[in-house]
Amino acid sequence: MEKAKISAIQLFALMFIFDLGTALIVSYGIPAGKDAWIAILLGMCGGILLFFIYYMLFRQYPNLPLTGYVRKIFGNYLGWVLGLLYCLFFLYTAARNIRDFGDLLVSSTLPETPLLAINLSLVLVICYVIYLGIEVVGRTAEVFIVILLLFGIGGNFFVLVSGDVDFHHVRPFIEHGWKPILTTAFPSVVSFPFGEMIVFTMLLPYLNRPQLAKKVWLFAVISSGLILSWTAALNLSVLGVDVMERSTFPTLATIGKVNLFDFIERLDAIVVFTLLMTVFFKSSIFLYGAVIGIVDLFKVKDHKQLILPIGIILIFLSMTIASSFSEHLEEGLGINIKYINVPFFIIFPLFMLISSIIRNYVKKKTD
């Protein structure tokens, strides 16, 4: 690992932007219908429970990343394999986020631009920032979180004063009972984006004041969860549940309806810039987690020599994971959540924590 430190404010900025990610733009929580915003709040509560699992593991191994303490818990062989699987998973998830951004840009703003050109440009910038180090990524996040909040306040203001908002679209609450809400919240909303924060177990050893990790992580989860819930409620109140269910990017459709005095309109750029910022940081963190994990597992002396080769793999993955955006969404909301996210975010960490507690108990008894 590089010799660097990040502050609590930088970690919060990274976590906050990371959590918003693509969830701010795509159809998030929509299987719950009008109650999507409730499902997101419940998913946030599940994300807080997952945090305590990750945090307890961090407290036991404060100087090690995930790939380090998984070998301490499961032994060098099984732990090494599981650590490698996590690195590959981080790389795969980074590719999915880059594909999200590329497809949004192609469908909304740059229809004549090849997807490869967009993905290539984004990945090269990400590789450059990671090459400069995690401190630079943290400082950049400090600046961009302010811009992101200004975009959010501006976008919300224009939507609210546009006259398109009708909160009757959100009512009645819990119209179809709790079942669709609970099945949407668990595991879908819990794993995306709150479970994805497991990648920060690779970054927590860089925190200059480890005692603040708990407050920072909880505040980031709660604040981003509330914003995602509000965004879902606002999209529903503008578009209605029928249009939102059919919309690929409901936030883009919501802000596209703004037309004030036939002068302030076509505010789609706010959504595009927002997604650019959130995907940039989210993909950077996933790619950095994969690079640091591989460095730790293979005992590479300098992580910088791996950044470009892994970046090239990332570009290839982002182009080949799906033949179309509809297939990409179907894979992400179906196979990905059930068979990949649940084991990596819930089952493996829970098993690690239980094994670690048992090992420490046995060790104390024998001592």
Protein backbone atom coordinates (compact mmCIF):
# COMPACT_ATOMS: atom_id res chain seq x y z
CA MET A 1 0.00 0.00 0.00
CA GLU A 2 1.16 3.53 -0.70
CA LYS A 3 2.31 5.75 2.16
CA ALA A 4 -0.60 8.19 2.18
CA LYS A 5 -3.28 9.45 4.52
CA ILE A 6 -6.73 10.92 3.93
CA SER A 7 -8.76 13.07 6.34
CA ALA A 8 -12.21 12.29 7.73
CA ILE A 9 -13.76 15.02 5.54
CA GLN A 10 -12.15 13.54 2.42
CA LEU A 11 -13.39 10.06 3.36
CA PHE A 12 -16.91 11.42 3.87
CA ALA A 13 -16.82 13.19 0.50
CA LEU A 14 -15.71 9.97 -1.19
CA MET A 15 -18.36 7.88 0.58
CA PHE A 16 -21.17 10.37 -0.04
CA ILE A 17 -20.45 10.72 -3.77
CA PHE A 18 -19.89 6.96 -4.04
CA ASP A 19 -23.27 6.14 -2.48
CA LEU A 20 -25.16 8.46 -4.81
CA GLY A 21 -23.36 7.03 -7.83
CA THR A 22 -25.60 5.74 -10.61
CA ALA A 23 -28.46 5.14 -8.12
CA LEU A 24 -29.29 8.85 -8.39
CA ILE A 25 -30.05 8.52 -12.11
CA VAL A 26 -31.30 5.00 -12.90
CA SER A 27 -34.67 3.40 -12.02
CA TYR A 28 -33.86 2.84 -8.37
CA GLY A 29 -36.29 1.01 -6.09
CA ILE A 30 -39.01 1.11 -8.75
CA PRO A 31 -40.22 -2.53 -8.25
CA ALA A 32 -41.88 -1.14 -5.08
CA GLY A 33 -43.98 1.22 -7.27
CA LYS A 34 -45.24 4.30 -5.45
CA ASP A 35 -43.43 3.17 -2.31
CA ALA A 36 -39.95 3.19 -3.90
CA TRP A 37 -38.88 5.93 -1.48
CA ILE A 38 -39.91 3.76 1.50
CA ALA A 39 -37.99 0.78 0.08
CA ILE A 40 -34.88 3.00 -0.19
CA LEU A 41 -35.21 4.08 3.45
CA LEU A 42 -35.50 0.43 4.54
CA GLY A 43 -32.53 -0.45 2.33
CA MET A 44 -30.57 2.32 4.04
CA CYS A 45 -31.33 0.71 7.42
CA GLY A 46 -30.03 -2.59 6.03
CA GLY A 47 -26.94 -0.73 4.82
CA ILE A 48 -26.34 0.49 8.38
CA LEU A 49 -26.45 -3.13 9.62
CA LEU A 50 -23.92 -4.12 6.93
CA PHE A 51 -21.71 -1.23 8.01
CA PHE A 52 -21.46 -2.64 11.53
CA ILE A 53 -20.22 -5.96 10.09
CA TYR A 54 -17.54 -4.18 8.02
CA TYR A 55 -16.64 -1.86 10.89
CA MET A 56 -16.20 -4.68 13.42
CA LEU A 57 -13.82 -6.40 11.02
CA PHE A 58 -11.91 -3.12 10.57
CA ARG A 59 -11.66 -2.69 14.37
CA GLN A 60 -10.06 -6.11 14.70
CA TYR A 61 -7.58 -5.47 11.86
CA PRO A 62 -7.18 -1.65 11.68
CA ASN A 63 -3.96 -1.68 9.67
CA LEU A 64 -4.98 -4.24 7.06
CA PRO A 65 -7.18 -3.96 3.96
CA LEU A 66 -9.86 -6.57 3.24
CA THR A 67 -7.43 -8.71 1.21
CA GLY A 68 -5.06 -8.69 4.22
CA TYR A 69 -7.38 -9.76 6.99
CA VAL A 70 -9.27 -12.32 4.89
CA ARG A 71 -5.99 -14.30 4.83
CA LYS A 72 -5.59 -13.88 8.59
CA ILE A 73 -9.09 -15.31 9.13
CA PHE A 74 -9.25 -18.10 6.53
CA GLY A 75 -5.56 -18.91 6.13
CA ASN A 76 -3.16 -18.13 3.28
CA TYR A 77 -4.69 -20.39 0.63
CA LEU A 78 -8.45 -20.00 1.00
CA GLY A 79 -8.04 -16.36 2.11
CA TRP A 80 -5.85 -15.60 -0.91
CA VAL A 81 -8.43 -17.02 -3.34
CA LEU A 82 -11.28 -15.12 -1.67
CA GLY A 83 -9.20 -11.91 -1.70
CA LEU A 84 -8.56 -12.35 -5.44
CA LEU A 85 -12.28 -12.88 -6.05
CA TYR A 86 -13.00 -9.59 -4.27
CA CYS A 87 -10.43 -7.79 -6.48
CA LEU A 88 -12.05 -9.22 -9.63
CA PHE A 89 -15.46 -8.24 -8.28
CA PHE A 90 -14.31 -4.64 -7.66
CA LEU A 91 -13.00 -4.49 -11.23
CA TYR A 92 -16.24 -5.90 -12.64
CA THR A 93 -18.37 -3.40 -10.68
CA ALA A 94 -16.19 -0.50 -11.87
CA ALA A 95 -16.80 -1.66 -15.46
CA ARG A 96 -20.57 -1.72 -14.85
CA ASN A 97 -20.53 1.87 -13.60
CA ILE A 98 -18.52 3.08 -16.58
CA ARG A 99 -20.95 1.31 -18.90
CA ASP A 100 -23.87 3.09 -17.14
CA PHE A 101 -22.31 6.48 -17.81
CA GLY A 102 -21.37 5.67 -21.40
CA ASP A 103 -24.87 4.48 -22.27
CA LEU A 104 -26.52 7.53 -20.67
CA LEU A 105 -24.26 9.88 -22.63
CA VAL A 106 -24.85 8.03 -25.91
CA SER A 107 -28.63 7.92 -25.45
CA SER A 108 -29.12 11.50 -24.23
CA THR A 109 -26.33 13.83 -25.27
CA LEU A 110 -23.84 12.32 -27.74
CA PRO A 111 -25.79 9.90 -29.97
CA GLU A 112 -23.18 9.97 -32.76
CA THR A 113 -20.21 9.30 -30.46
CA PRO A 114 -18.96 5.68 -30.20
CA LEU A 115 -19.38 4.11 -26.75
CA LEU A 116 -15.71 3.08 -26.82
CA ALA A 117 -14.56 6.72 -27.14
CA ILE A 118 -16.57 7.76 -24.06
CA ASN A 119 -15.46 4.81 -21.92
CA LEU A 120 -11.84 5.14 -23.02
CA SER A 121 -11.73 8.86 -22.13
CA LEU A 122 -13.23 8.29 -18.68
CA VAL A 123 -10.98 5.35 -17.80
CA LEU A 124 -7.80 7.19 -18.85
CA VAL A 125 -8.69 10.13 -16.57
CA ILE A 126 -9.47 7.70 -13.71
CA CYS A 127 -6.11 5.94 -14.22
CA TYR A 128 -4.28 9.28 -14.16
CA VAL A 129 -5.90 10.38 -10.89
CA ILE A 130 -5.24 7.01 -9.23
CA TYR A 131 -1.62 7.20 -10.44
CA LEU A 132 -1.30 10.49 -8.52
CA GLY A 133 -2.43 8.71 -5.33
CA ILE A 134 -5.36 8.31 -2.95
CA GLU A 135 -4.65 11.69 -1.33
CA VAL A 136 -5.27 13.42 -4.66
CA VAL A 137 -8.52 11.47 -5.11
CA GLY A 138 -9.61 12.58 -1.62
CA ARG A 139 -8.76 16.24 -2.20
CA THR A 140 -10.56 16.19 -5.55
CA ALA A 141 -13.65 14.76 -3.85
CA GLU A 142 -13.58 17.66 -1.35
CA VAL A 143 -13.95 20.10 -4.24
CA PHE A 144 -16.47 18.14 -6.28
CA ILE A 145 -18.84 17.41 -3.39
CA VAL A 146 -19.52 21.18 -3.22
CA ILE A 147 -20.23 21.31 -6.97
CA LEU A 148 -22.44 18.22 -6.67
CA LEU A 149 -24.48 19.77 -3.86
CA LEU A 150 -24.91 23.02 -5.83
CA PHE A 151 -26.13 21.03 -8.85
CA GLY A 152 -28.52 19.11 -6.60
CA ILE A 153 -29.94 22.24 -4.94
CA GLY A 154 -30.30 23.98 -8.31
CA GLY A 155 -31.94 20.99 -10.00
CA ASN A 156 -34.39 20.46 -7.13
CA PHE A 157 -35.28 24.16 -7.05
CA PHE A 158 -36.10 24.29 -10.77
CA VAL A 159 -38.17 21.09 -10.62
CA LEU A 160 -40.14 22.28 -7.55
CA VAL A 161 -40.98 25.70 -9.06
CA SER A 162 -41.73 24.31 -12.53
CA GLY A 163 -45.30 23.38 -11.59
CA ASP A 164 -44.86 19.74 -12.69
CA VAL A 165 -44.74 18.35 -9.14
CA ASP A 166 -47.86 16.55 -7.92
CA PHE A 167 -47.31 14.64 -4.68
CA HIS A 168 -50.67 12.90 -5.16
CA HIS A 169 -48.75 10.56 -7.50
CA VAL A 170 -46.95 9.17 -4.45
CA ARG A 171 -50.16 8.39 -2.55
CA PRO A 172 -51.68 6.21 -1.20
CA PHE A 173 -48.77 4.90 0.86
CA ILE A 174 -48.22 1.13 1.05
CA GLU A 175 -51.06 0.60 -1.44
CA HIS A 176 -50.07 -2.99 -2.22
CA GLY A 177 -48.87 -3.94 1.27
CA TRP A 178 -45.37 -4.43 2.62
CA LYS A 179 -44.34 -7.38 0.42
CA PRO A 180 -43.19 -5.41 -2.70
CA ILE A 181 -41.41 -2.89 -0.45
CA LEU A 182 -39.52 -5.54 1.51
CA THR A 183 -38.61 -7.62 -1.57
CA THR A 184 -37.26 -4.45 -3.25
CA ALA A 185 -35.35 -3.27 -0.17
CA PHE A 186 -33.83 -6.71 0.53
CA PRO A 187 -31.55 -7.55 -1.17
CA SER A 188 -31.74 -5.11 -4.11
CA VAL A 189 -31.53 -1.68 -2.41
CA VAL A 190 -29.35 -2.96 0.45
CA SER A 191 -26.69 -4.29 -1.91
CA PHE A 192 -26.83 -1.36 -4.35
CA PRO A 193 -25.36 1.03 -3.34
CA PHE A 194 -24.98 0.48 0.43
CA GLY A 195 -23.44 -3.00 0.26
CA GLU A 196 -21.00 -1.81 -2.41
CA MET A 197 -19.34 0.29 0.29
CA ILE A 198 -17.42 -2.83 1.29
CA VAL A 199 -14.76 -1.51 -1.10
CA PHE A 200 -13.97 1.15 1.53
CA THR A 201 -12.51 -1.61 3.72
CA MET A 202 -9.58 -1.30 1.29
CA LEU A 203 -9.30 2.44 2.05
CA LEU A 204 -9.94 2.65 5.82
CA PRO A 205 -6.27 1.91 6.71
CA TYR A 206 -5.42 5.22 4.99
CA LEU A 207 -7.62 7.26 7.35
CA ASN A 208 -5.45 9.58 9.46
CA ARG A 209 -7.86 9.36 12.43
CA PRO A 210 -9.25 5.79 12.47
CA GLN A 211 -11.49 6.55 15.47
CA LEU A 212 -13.65 8.74 13.21
CA ALA A 213 -14.40 5.94 10.71
CA LYS A 214 -17.65 4.97 12.45
CA LYS A 215 -19.16 8.49 12.48
CA VAL A 216 -18.06 9.27 8.94
CA TRP A 217 -19.43 6.03 7.45
CA LEU A 218 -22.78 6.28 9.27
CA PHE A 219 -23.25 9.94 8.34
CA ALA A 220 -22.44 9.18 4.68
CA VAL A 221 -24.91 6.26 4.53
CA ILE A 222 -27.76 8.19 6.21
CA SER A 223 -27.31 11.44 4.26
CA SER A 224 -26.99 9.73 0.87
CA GLY A 225 -29.90 7.38 1.68
CA LEU A 226 -32.18 10.32 2.49
CA ILE A 227 -31.20 12.08 -0.75
CA LEU A 228 -31.85 8.94 -2.82
CA SER A 229 -35.25 8.49 -1.14
CA TRP A 230 -36.17 12.14 -1.80
CA THR A 231 -35.06 11.84 -5.45
CA ALA A 232 -37.24 8.75 -5.96
CA ALA A 233 -40.23 10.55 -4.37
CA LEU A 234 -39.65 13.64 -6.54
CA ASN A 235 -39.37 11.56 -9.74
CA LEU A 236 -42.61 9.77 -8.85
CA SER A 237 -44.42 13.03 -8.12
CA VAL A 238 -43.39 14.50 -11.50
CA LEU A 239 -43.58 11.47 -13.79
CA GLY A 240 -46.12 9.24 -12.06
CA VAL A 241 -45.48 5.57 -11.37
CA ASP A 242 -46.39 4.35 -14.91
CA VAL A 243 -43.93 6.65 -16.71
CA MET A 244 -41.22 6.05 -14.10
CA GLU A 245 -41.50 2.27 -14.49
CA ARG A 246 -40.94 2.61 -18.25
CA SER A 247 -38.16 5.20 -17.96
CA THR A 248 -34.53 4.05 -18.11
CA PHE A 249 -33.24 7.29 -16.55
CA PRO A 250 -36.16 8.81 -14.58
CA THR A 251 -34.14 11.67 -13.09
CA LEU A 252 -33.17 12.74 -16.62
CA ALA A 253 -36.84 12.63 -17.66
CA THR A 254 -37.88 14.61 -14.56
CA ILE A 255 -35.47 17.48 -15.07
CA GLY A 256 -36.12 17.41 -18.82
CA LYS A 257 -39.71 18.53 -18.14
CA VAL A 258 -38.57 21.82 -16.57
CA ASN A 259 -39.63 24.82 -18.65
CA LEU A 260 -39.75 28.19 -16.90
CA PHE A 261 -41.00 31.20 -18.93
CA ASP A 262 -39.91 29.43 -22.15
CA PHE A 263 -36.40 30.49 -21.15
CA ILE A 264 -35.02 28.06 -18.54
CA GLU A 265 -35.25 24.61 -20.12
CA ARG A 266 -33.11 21.72 -21.39
CA LEU A 267 -31.47 21.23 -18.01
CA ASP A 268 -30.43 17.68 -18.90
CA ALA A 269 -26.80 18.78 -18.61
CA ILE A 270 -27.21 18.95 -14.81
CA VAL A 271 -28.00 15.22 -14.71
CA VAL A 272 -25.19 14.34 -17.14
CA PHE A 273 -22.59 16.33 -15.14
CA THR A 274 -23.89 14.83 -11.89
CA LEU A 275 -23.52 11.29 -13.24
CA LEU A 276 -20.07 12.12 -14.62
CA MET A 277 -18.89 13.20 -11.16
CA THR A 278 -20.45 10.31 -9.24
CA VAL A 279 -19.35 7.62 -11.72
CA PHE A 280 -15.84 9.08 -11.88
CA PHE A 281 -15.33 8.77 -8.12
CA LYS A 282 -17.21 5.50 -7.75
CA SER A 283 -15.24 3.81 -10.53
CA SER A 284 -11.99 5.33 -9.22
CA ILE A 285 -12.58 3.83 -5.77
CA PHE A 286 -13.47 0.40 -7.18
CA LEU A 287 -10.45 0.43 -9.50
CA TYR A 288 -8.16 1.59 -6.69
CA GLY A 289 -9.54 -1.15 -4.41
CA ALA A 290 -8.81 -3.75 -7.10
CA VAL A 291 -5.26 -2.41 -7.71
CA ILE A 292 -4.35 -2.26 -4.01
CA GLY A 293 -5.82 -5.73 -3.45
CA ILE A 294 -3.75 -7.21 -6.29
CA VAL A 295 -0.63 -5.44 -4.98
CA ASP A 296 -1.28 -6.93 -1.53
CA LEU A 297 -1.96 -10.46 -2.81
CA PHE A 298 0.89 -10.66 -5.33
CA LYS A 299 3.40 -8.64 -3.25
CA VAL A 300 4.02 -6.11 -6.02
CA LYS A 301 6.45 -3.38 -4.93
CA ASP A 302 4.92 -0.44 -6.82
CA HIS A 303 1.18 -0.25 -7.43
CA LYS A 304 1.62 2.40 -10.16
CA GLN A 305 2.95 -0.11 -12.68
CA LEU A 306 -0.36 -2.02 -12.51
CA ILE A 307 -2.72 0.91 -13.05
CA LEU A 308 -2.57 1.16 -16.86
CA PRO A 309 -2.74 -2.61 -17.60
CA ILE A 310 -5.72 -2.99 -15.24
CA GLY A 311 -7.27 0.16 -16.78
CA ILE A 312 -7.07 -1.47 -20.24
CA ILE A 313 -8.83 -4.56 -18.83
CA LEU A 314 -11.47 -2.22 -17.37
CA ILE A 315 -12.14 -0.63 -20.79
CA PHE A 316 -12.47 -4.09 -22.37
CA LEU A 317 -14.84 -5.24 -19.61
CA SER A 318 -17.05 -2.15 -19.86
CA MET A 319 -17.57 -2.85 -23.58
CA THR A 320 -18.13 -6.61 -23.39
CA ILE A 321 -20.20 -7.20 -20.21
CA ALA A 322 -23.40 -6.71 -22.23
CA SER A 323 -24.37 -6.38 -25.90
CA SER A 324 -26.96 -3.67 -25.17
CA PHE A 325 -28.02 -1.40 -22.32
CA SER A 326 -31.25 -3.38 -21.75
CA GLU A 327 -29.19 -6.56 -21.33
CA HIS A 328 -26.81 -4.65 -19.05
CA LEU A 329 -29.73 -3.55 -16.81
CA GLU A 330 -31.29 -7.02 -16.78
CA GLU A 331 -27.98 -8.56 -15.74
CA GLY A 332 -27.44 -5.92 -13.04
CA LEU A 333 -30.91 -6.11 -11.51
CA GLY A 334 -31.25 -9.89 -11.77
CA ILE A 335 -28.23 -12.20 -11.83
CA ASN A 336 -25.84 -9.66 -10.31
CA ILE A 337 -27.89 -8.94 -7.18
CA LYS A 338 -28.95 -12.52 -6.43
CA TYR A 339 -25.83 -14.51 -7.22
CA ILE A 340 -22.93 -12.03 -6.90
CA ASN A 341 -23.82 -9.13 -4.61
CA VAL A 342 -25.46 -11.13 -1.80
CA PRO A 343 -22.45 -13.46 -1.25
CA PHE A 344 -19.81 -10.69 -1.56
CA PHE A 345 -21.65 -8.07 0.51
CA ILE A 346 -23.47 -10.15 3.11
CA ILE A 347 -22.56 -13.86 3.32
CA PHE A 348 -18.74 -13.70 3.06
CA PRO A 349 -18.30 -10.69 5.42
CA LEU A 350 -20.70 -12.20 7.98
CA PHE A 351 -18.85 -15.51 7.82
CA MET A 352 -15.53 -13.63 8.19
CA LEU A 353 -16.80 -11.81 11.28
CA ILE A 354 -18.13 -14.98 12.94
CA SER A 355 -14.90 -16.87 12.17
CA SER A 356 -12.80 -13.99 13.48
CA ILE A 357 -14.78 -13.79 16.74
CA ILE A 358 -14.49 -17.56 17.27
CA ARG A 359 -10.72 -17.51 16.53
CA ASN A 360 -10.14 -14.66 18.99
CA TYR A 361 -12.26 -16.40 21.66
CA VAL A 362 -10.35 -19.67 21.25
CA LYS A 363 -7.04 -17.79 21.31
CA LYS A 364 -7.96 -16.06 24.58
CA LYS A 365 -9.04 -19.38 26.13
CA THR A 366 -5.79 -21.09 25.18
CA ASP A 367 -3.72 -18.13 26.44
